[in-house]
Every structure is written in structure tokens, then in C-alpha cells.
Amino acid sequence: MDKESSSVNNYNHSISLLERKTLVITGVKKVENFDNLHFLLETTMGFLIIKGDDLVLVKLDTLAGNVTIKGNINSIDYILESKKKEREESVLSRLFK
């Protein structure tokens, strides 16, 4: 196991939401995809989908595994691995309509 991936796995996963407008997430392994309505993140605790309006990626620290998102946050859901592909395909299909 390489040093970088083992360091992300050691971080605790947490979510901090301030006034439904600023979302700070730790323990993020990978940002799968995002647009102004959805974010799909792989965290140390599983896949996470964030839905809202006017979402913007403010900060991405890949070494520490931290992500900050601003916008109007409507929902935060963990999804199963099997549903990840379905969600990802539906997001991509809407983008390329």
C-alpha cells in the first residue's frame, strides 16, 4: 500500500454543515463527479451524495482528504456501492442530453 492512500484511510470521516450553506467534509478519498446540483464523493465511510442548488467546490485538499462545498444544501445521503453506478450514470445522462 502506498503512503498517500494509507494516510487518507487513517483520517476520520466527519461532516459539518453551517446554516445549510457551507458543508465541510473530512475523510474524502475521491471526488467522483460534481455539478451545481450534485456532488458524488468517495469517503472513508462509503459513497456520499450531496444534493442542492448553486453548489460550488470551494476547497479540495486531496492530501488531507478535506472538501468544502458552498451553496444551498438540500440533502446528504450515503449510498450503497451498487447504487453508485446508477446515480453516476443518471447524473452523466442528464449532463449529455
N, C-alpha and C. Protein backbone atom coordinates (compact mmCIF):
# COMPACT_ATOMS: atom_id res chain seq x y z
N MET A 1 0.86 -1.18 0.00
CA MET A 1 0.00 0.00 0.00
C MET A 1 0.89 1.23 0.00
N ASP A 2 0.61 2.16 -0.87
CA ASP A 2 1.46 3.35 -0.93
C ASP A 2 1.12 4.32 0.20
N LYS A 3 2.05 5.21 0.47
CA LYS A 3 1.95 6.11 1.62
C LYS A 3 0.75 7.05 1.53
N GLU A 4 0.46 7.56 0.32
CA GLU A 4 -0.62 8.54 0.16
C GLU A 4 -1.99 7.93 0.46
N SER A 5 -2.28 6.74 -0.09
CA SER A 5 -3.60 6.14 0.15
C SER A 5 -3.76 5.69 1.58
N SER A 6 -2.68 5.25 2.24
CA SER A 6 -2.79 4.84 3.63
C SER A 6 -3.02 6.04 4.54
N SER A 7 -2.50 7.22 4.18
CA SER A 7 -2.71 8.40 5.01
C SER A 7 -4.17 8.86 4.96
N VAL A 8 -4.81 8.78 3.81
CA VAL A 8 -6.22 9.16 3.72
C VAL A 8 -7.09 8.18 4.50
N ASN A 9 -6.75 6.89 4.46
CA ASN A 9 -7.53 5.90 5.18
C ASN A 9 -7.47 6.09 6.69
N ASN A 10 -6.43 6.75 7.20
CA ASN A 10 -6.28 6.97 8.62
C ASN A 10 -7.10 8.16 9.12
N TYR A 11 -7.60 9.00 8.24
CA TYR A 11 -8.38 10.16 8.65
C TYR A 11 -9.79 9.75 9.05
N ASN A 12 -10.28 10.41 10.09
CA ASN A 12 -11.66 10.20 10.50
C ASN A 12 -12.57 10.92 9.52
N HIS A 13 -13.76 10.39 9.38
CA HIS A 13 -14.75 10.99 8.50
C HIS A 13 -15.71 11.82 9.33
N SER A 14 -15.91 13.07 8.92
CA SER A 14 -16.88 13.92 9.60
C SER A 14 -17.53 14.86 8.60
N ILE A 15 -18.72 15.32 8.97
CA ILE A 15 -19.47 16.27 8.16
C ILE A 15 -19.90 17.42 9.05
N SER A 16 -19.63 18.63 8.60
CA SER A 16 -20.04 19.83 9.35
C SER A 16 -20.84 20.71 8.39
N LEU A 17 -22.07 21.01 8.78
CA LEU A 17 -22.95 21.83 7.95
C LEU A 17 -23.31 23.10 8.71
N LEU A 18 -22.99 24.25 8.13
CA LEU A 18 -23.28 25.54 8.74
C LEU A 18 -24.41 26.22 7.98
N GLU A 19 -25.53 26.41 8.64
CA GLU A 19 -26.68 27.14 8.11
C GLU A 19 -27.13 26.67 6.73
N ARG A 20 -26.95 25.38 6.45
CA ARG A 20 -27.32 24.76 5.18
C ARG A 20 -26.66 25.43 3.98
N LYS A 21 -25.57 26.15 4.19
CA LYS A 21 -24.91 26.86 3.09
C LYS A 21 -23.44 26.47 2.93
N THR A 22 -22.78 26.03 3.99
CA THR A 22 -21.38 25.65 3.92
C THR A 22 -21.22 24.25 4.49
N LEU A 23 -20.68 23.35 3.68
CA LEU A 23 -20.51 21.95 4.07
C LEU A 23 -19.02 21.62 4.05
N VAL A 24 -18.50 21.15 5.19
CA VAL A 24 -17.10 20.76 5.30
C VAL A 24 -17.08 19.25 5.58
N ILE A 25 -16.38 18.50 4.73
CA ILE A 25 -16.33 17.05 4.85
C ILE A 25 -14.87 16.62 4.98
N THR A 26 -14.57 15.78 5.95
CA THR A 26 -13.23 15.21 6.09
C THR A 26 -13.30 13.72 5.79
N GLY A 27 -12.16 13.13 5.52
CA GLY A 27 -12.11 11.70 5.21
C GLY A 27 -12.53 11.40 3.78
N VAL A 28 -12.35 12.34 2.87
CA VAL A 28 -12.73 12.16 1.47
C VAL A 28 -11.56 11.51 0.72
N LYS A 29 -11.84 10.38 0.09
CA LYS A 29 -10.82 9.70 -0.71
C LYS A 29 -10.77 10.24 -2.12
N LYS A 30 -11.97 10.50 -2.70
CA LYS A 30 -12.03 10.87 -4.11
C LYS A 30 -13.32 11.63 -4.40
N VAL A 31 -13.22 12.64 -5.24
CA VAL A 31 -14.41 13.32 -5.76
C VAL A 31 -14.72 12.65 -7.10
N GLU A 32 -15.80 11.86 -7.13
CA GLU A 32 -16.16 11.10 -8.33
C GLU A 32 -16.63 12.03 -9.44
N ASN A 33 -17.63 12.86 -9.15
CA ASN A 33 -18.10 13.85 -10.11
C ASN A 33 -18.94 14.89 -9.39
N PHE A 34 -19.16 16.02 -10.05
CA PHE A 34 -19.97 17.06 -9.44
C PHE A 34 -20.44 18.05 -10.49
N ASP A 35 -21.53 18.71 -10.16
CA ASP A 35 -22.03 19.85 -10.93
C ASP A 35 -22.70 20.78 -9.93
N ASN A 36 -23.47 21.74 -10.41
CA ASN A 36 -24.06 22.71 -9.48
C ASN A 36 -25.26 22.16 -8.71
N LEU A 37 -25.69 20.92 -9.02
CA LEU A 37 -26.82 20.31 -8.32
C LEU A 37 -26.45 19.09 -7.49
N HIS A 38 -25.37 18.39 -7.83
CA HIS A 38 -24.98 17.13 -7.17
C HIS A 38 -23.47 17.04 -6.98
N PHE A 39 -23.07 16.41 -5.90
CA PHE A 39 -21.68 16.01 -5.68
C PHE A 39 -21.69 14.55 -5.30
N LEU A 40 -20.81 13.76 -5.89
CA LEU A 40 -20.64 12.36 -5.53
C LEU A 40 -19.22 12.18 -5.05
N LEU A 41 -19.07 11.83 -3.75
CA LEU A 41 -17.77 11.71 -3.11
C LEU A 41 -17.57 10.30 -2.58
N GLU A 42 -16.34 9.81 -2.68
CA GLU A 42 -16.00 8.56 -2.01
C GLU A 42 -15.28 8.94 -0.72
N THR A 43 -15.84 8.51 0.41
CA THR A 43 -15.26 8.82 1.71
C THR A 43 -14.75 7.54 2.35
N THR A 44 -14.10 7.68 3.48
CA THR A 44 -13.62 6.51 4.21
C THR A 44 -14.76 5.67 4.77
N MET A 45 -15.96 6.23 4.82
CA MET A 45 -17.13 5.52 5.33
C MET A 45 -18.13 5.13 4.23
N GLY A 46 -17.75 5.28 2.98
CA GLY A 46 -18.62 4.92 1.87
C GLY A 46 -18.87 6.10 0.94
N PHE A 47 -19.71 5.86 -0.05
CA PHE A 47 -20.03 6.90 -1.03
C PHE A 47 -21.09 7.83 -0.47
N LEU A 48 -20.91 9.11 -0.78
CA LEU A 48 -21.76 10.16 -0.25
C LEU A 48 -22.24 11.01 -1.41
N ILE A 49 -23.55 11.28 -1.46
CA ILE A 49 -24.08 12.17 -2.49
C ILE A 49 -24.71 13.38 -1.80
N ILE A 50 -24.34 14.55 -2.28
CA ILE A 50 -24.85 15.81 -1.77
C ILE A 50 -25.69 16.43 -2.87
N LYS A 51 -26.91 16.83 -2.52
CA LYS A 51 -27.80 17.47 -3.49
C LYS A 51 -28.13 18.87 -3.00
N GLY A 52 -28.29 19.78 -3.96
CA GLY A 52 -28.65 21.15 -3.61
C GLY A 52 -28.75 22.02 -4.84
N ASP A 53 -28.69 23.31 -4.61
CA ASP A 53 -28.75 24.30 -5.68
C ASP A 53 -27.53 25.20 -5.59
N ASP A 54 -27.01 25.60 -6.75
CA ASP A 54 -25.86 26.51 -6.82
C ASP A 54 -24.67 26.00 -6.02
N LEU A 55 -24.40 24.69 -6.08
CA LEU A 55 -23.28 24.11 -5.34
C LEU A 55 -21.96 24.44 -6.03
N VAL A 56 -20.97 24.80 -5.21
CA VAL A 56 -19.66 25.18 -5.71
C VAL A 56 -18.60 24.51 -4.83
N LEU A 57 -17.60 23.93 -5.47
CA LEU A 57 -16.47 23.35 -4.75
C LEU A 57 -15.54 24.50 -4.37
N VAL A 58 -15.45 24.79 -3.08
CA VAL A 58 -14.66 25.92 -2.60
C VAL A 58 -13.24 25.47 -2.28
N LYS A 59 -13.10 24.31 -1.63
CA LYS A 59 -11.78 23.84 -1.22
C LYS A 59 -11.68 22.33 -1.44
N LEU A 60 -10.56 21.91 -2.01
CA LEU A 60 -10.28 20.49 -2.19
C LEU A 60 -8.84 20.26 -1.76
N ASP A 61 -8.67 19.53 -0.66
CA ASP A 61 -7.34 19.18 -0.16
C ASP A 61 -7.21 17.67 -0.26
N THR A 62 -6.60 17.21 -1.35
CA THR A 62 -6.53 15.77 -1.60
C THR A 62 -5.58 15.05 -0.65
N LEU A 63 -4.56 15.73 -0.17
CA LEU A 63 -3.63 15.07 0.75
C LEU A 63 -4.26 14.83 2.12
N ALA A 64 -5.01 15.81 2.61
CA ALA A 64 -5.66 15.68 3.91
C ALA A 64 -7.04 15.04 3.81
N GLY A 65 -7.61 14.99 2.60
CA GLY A 65 -8.94 14.41 2.42
C GLY A 65 -10.07 15.33 2.85
N ASN A 66 -9.90 16.63 2.68
CA ASN A 66 -10.91 17.61 3.08
C ASN A 66 -11.56 18.26 1.86
N VAL A 67 -12.87 18.47 1.94
CA VAL A 67 -13.63 19.13 0.88
C VAL A 67 -14.56 20.14 1.52
N THR A 68 -14.65 21.33 0.93
CA THR A 68 -15.61 22.35 1.37
C THR A 68 -16.49 22.70 0.18
N ILE A 69 -17.80 22.65 0.40
CA ILE A 69 -18.80 22.93 -0.63
C ILE A 69 -19.71 24.05 -0.12
N LYS A 70 -19.99 25.02 -0.99
CA LYS A 70 -20.93 26.09 -0.64
C LYS A 70 -22.10 26.05 -1.60
N GLY A 71 -23.25 26.49 -1.12
CA GLY A 71 -24.48 26.53 -1.91
C GLY A 71 -25.66 26.25 -1.01
N ASN A 72 -26.80 25.99 -1.59
CA ASN A 72 -28.00 25.64 -0.84
C ASN A 72 -28.07 24.12 -0.74
N ILE A 73 -27.71 23.56 0.41
CA ILE A 73 -27.66 22.12 0.62
C ILE A 73 -29.07 21.62 0.93
N ASN A 74 -29.55 20.66 0.12
CA ASN A 74 -30.88 20.08 0.34
C ASN A 74 -30.83 18.70 0.97
N SER A 75 -29.83 17.90 0.62
CA SER A 75 -29.74 16.56 1.21
C SER A 75 -28.31 16.04 1.18
N ILE A 76 -28.04 15.15 2.14
CA ILE A 76 -26.76 14.46 2.25
C ILE A 76 -27.10 13.00 2.49
N ASP A 77 -26.71 12.12 1.56
CA ASP A 77 -27.06 10.70 1.65
C ASP A 77 -25.85 9.82 1.41
N TYR A 78 -25.74 8.76 2.19
CA TYR A 78 -24.77 7.71 1.89
C TYR A 78 -25.47 6.72 0.96
N ILE A 79 -24.74 6.22 -0.03
CA ILE A 79 -25.34 5.29 -0.97
C ILE A 79 -24.54 3.99 -0.99
N LEU A 80 -25.23 2.92 -1.36
CA LEU A 80 -24.60 1.61 -1.49
C LEU A 80 -23.75 1.58 -2.75
N GLU A 81 -22.77 0.70 -2.78
CA GLU A 81 -21.87 0.57 -3.94
C GLU A 81 -22.66 0.27 -5.21
N SER A 82 -23.67 -0.59 -5.13
CA SER A 82 -24.43 -0.94 -6.33
C SER A 82 -25.22 0.25 -6.86
N LYS A 83 -25.68 1.12 -5.97
CA LYS A 83 -26.45 2.29 -6.40
C LYS A 83 -25.54 3.41 -6.90
N LYS A 84 -24.25 3.36 -6.58
CA LYS A 84 -23.32 4.40 -7.01
C LYS A 84 -23.28 4.50 -8.52
N LYS A 85 -23.20 3.35 -9.20
CA LYS A 85 -23.13 3.36 -10.66
C LYS A 85 -24.42 3.88 -11.26
N GLU A 86 -25.57 3.52 -10.68
CA GLU A 86 -26.85 4.01 -11.18
C GLU A 86 -26.91 5.53 -11.05
N ARG A 87 -26.53 6.06 -9.90
CA ARG A 87 -26.56 7.51 -9.68
C ARG A 87 -25.59 8.22 -10.62
N GLU A 88 -24.40 7.65 -10.75
CA GLU A 88 -23.39 8.26 -11.60
C GLU A 88 -23.86 8.31 -13.05
N GLU A 89 -24.47 7.21 -13.51
CA GLU A 89 -24.96 7.17 -14.89
C GLU A 89 -26.10 8.15 -15.10
N SER A 90 -27.00 8.30 -14.09
CA SER A 90 -28.11 9.23 -14.27
C SER A 90 -27.62 10.67 -14.29
N VAL A 91 -26.63 10.99 -13.48
CA VAL A 91 -26.06 12.34 -13.50
C VAL A 91 -25.42 12.62 -14.84
N LEU A 92 -24.62 11.66 -15.34
CA LEU A 92 -23.96 11.85 -16.63
C LEU A 92 -24.97 11.92 -17.78
N SER A 93 -26.03 11.11 -17.72
CA SER A 93 -27.01 11.14 -18.80
C SER A 93 -27.73 12.49 -18.85
N ARG A 94 -27.97 13.09 -17.69
CA ARG A 94 -28.60 14.41 -17.67
C ARG A 94 -27.67 15.49 -18.22
N LEU A 95 -26.38 15.31 -17.99
CA LEU A 95 -25.44 16.30 -18.49
C LEU A 95 -25.34 16.29 -20.01
N PHE A 96 -25.48 15.12 -20.61
CA PHE A 96 -25.28 14.99 -22.05
C PHE A 96 -26.57 14.88 -22.85
N LYS A 97 -27.70 15.31 -22.27
CA LYS A 97 -28.96 15.32 -23.00
C LYS A 97 -28.97 16.41 -24.03
